[in-house]
Amino acid sequence: MIDSVWTLAFLDIGNKQAHVLLYGREFIPSYCIERELPSVNCIESDTFVSSRTLAAFEYQGEYFEVLNLKNIFSYNSSLEEVSQLLDVAKSVLETEM
């Protein structure tokens, strides 16, 4: 049996588009609040250069297109704390806006 919590953290950019900040199973804070986290349906595509690319996801009945396409194992796996996640979000907002 595999027991892991995959965490998806994203910024809603608008127009049903999102910038993924974190997607992975090594974000330890998620394990502490696992039962409180909403469920998300992630959609992978293998039509891009690398296989297992996170292309879109469904969150609370809405589909979001991922703007920063990457292999699913490439999204900031070194983040360990929520404060680091907030720093990444701030950096993205400064760059995007």
Protein backbone atom coordinates (compact mmCIF):
# COMPACT_ATOMS: atom_id res chain seq x y z
CA MET A 1 0.00 0.00 0.00
CA ILE A 2 1.30 3.43 -0.92
CA ASP A 3 0.45 6.15 1.57
CA SER A 4 1.36 9.63 0.40
CA VAL A 5 -0.25 13.04 0.22
CA TRP A 6 0.29 14.84 -3.06
CA THR A 7 0.04 18.57 -2.51
CA LEU A 8 -0.85 21.08 -5.21
CA ALA A 9 -0.31 24.76 -4.41
CA PHE A 10 -1.11 27.29 -7.11
CA LEU A 11 -1.84 30.92 -7.89
CA ASP A 12 -5.08 31.62 -9.72
CA ILE A 13 -3.92 33.97 -12.49
CA GLY A 14 -7.44 34.48 -13.85
CA ASN A 15 -9.15 33.30 -17.03
CA LYS A 16 -9.11 29.71 -15.71
CA GLN A 17 -5.30 29.71 -15.69
CA ALA A 18 -2.95 28.94 -12.82
CA HIS A 19 0.73 29.05 -11.97
CA VAL A 20 1.76 25.96 -10.02
CA LEU A 21 3.93 26.73 -7.00
CA LEU A 22 4.24 23.21 -5.65
CA TYR A 23 3.13 19.78 -6.74
CA GLY A 24 4.56 16.82 -4.95
CA ARG A 25 4.43 14.38 -2.08
CA GLU A 26 7.37 15.66 -0.02
CA PHE A 27 5.70 18.77 1.44
CA ILE A 28 5.57 17.61 5.09
CA PRO A 29 3.07 20.26 6.36
CA SER A 30 0.38 18.63 4.19
CA TYR A 31 0.64 15.39 6.14
CA CYS A 32 -0.33 17.25 9.34
CA ILE A 33 -3.58 18.58 7.83
CA GLU A 34 -4.30 15.83 5.31
CA ARG A 35 -7.98 15.45 6.24
CA GLU A 36 -8.60 19.20 5.88
CA LEU A 37 -7.18 19.50 2.36
CA PRO A 38 -9.59 19.64 -0.59
CA SER A 39 -9.42 17.02 -3.29
CA VAL A 40 -8.01 18.01 -6.67
CA ASN A 41 -8.13 16.10 -9.95
CA CYS A 42 -4.83 16.60 -11.79
CA ILE A 43 -4.67 16.08 -15.53
CA GLU A 44 -1.40 14.94 -17.01
CA SER A 45 -0.45 15.09 -20.65
CA ASP A 46 2.19 13.14 -22.49
CA THR A 47 1.90 15.18 -25.68
CA PHE A 48 4.64 17.54 -24.56
CA VAL A 49 8.40 16.98 -24.74
CA SER A 50 8.55 15.19 -21.40
CA SER A 51 6.02 12.64 -20.29
CA ARG A 52 4.00 13.06 -17.08
CA THR A 53 3.48 16.79 -17.61
CA LEU A 54 0.95 18.53 -15.37
CA ALA A 55 -1.27 20.22 -17.95
CA ALA A 56 -4.42 21.12 -16.00
CA PHE A 57 -6.37 20.39 -12.85
CA GLU A 58 -9.90 20.53 -11.52
CA TYR A 59 -10.43 22.34 -8.23
CA GLN A 60 -13.88 22.86 -6.71
CA GLY A 61 -15.61 22.12 -10.00
CA GLU A 62 -13.47 24.47 -12.09
CA TYR A 63 -10.76 23.45 -14.56
CA PHE A 64 -7.52 25.40 -14.61
CA GLU A 65 -4.89 25.39 -17.34
CA VAL A 66 -1.35 25.18 -15.97
CA LEU A 67 0.78 28.02 -17.36
CA ASN A 68 4.17 26.75 -16.18
CA LEU A 69 4.14 23.26 -17.69
CA LYS A 70 6.69 20.87 -16.19
CA ASN A 71 7.18 17.24 -15.46
CA ILE A 72 5.11 16.40 -12.38
CA PHE A 73 8.23 15.72 -10.30
CA SER A 74 9.82 19.12 -11.08
CA TYR A 75 7.76 21.55 -8.99
CA ASN A 76 9.81 22.89 -6.05
CA SER A 77 10.26 19.60 -4.27
CA SER A 78 12.80 21.26 -1.94
CA LEU A 79 10.14 23.36 -0.17
CA GLU A 80 9.67 22.29 3.44
CA GLU A 81 7.63 25.05 5.10
CA VAL A 82 4.57 27.14 4.32
CA SER A 83 6.65 30.32 4.61
CA GLN A 84 8.83 29.10 1.73
CA LEU A 85 5.70 28.51 -0.33
CA LEU A 86 4.56 32.07 0.37
CA ASP A 87 7.96 33.39 -0.73
CA VAL A 88 7.64 31.54 -4.04
CA ALA A 89 4.14 32.94 -4.54
CA LYS A 90 5.37 36.46 -3.86
CA SER A 91 8.21 36.02 -6.34
CA VAL A 92 5.83 34.77 -9.01
CA LEU A 93 3.46 37.69 -8.45
CA GLU A 94 6.31 40.19 -8.74
CA THR A 95 7.47 38.57 -11.98
CA GLU A 96 4.02 38.09 -13.54
CA MET A 97 2.53 41.46 -12.66
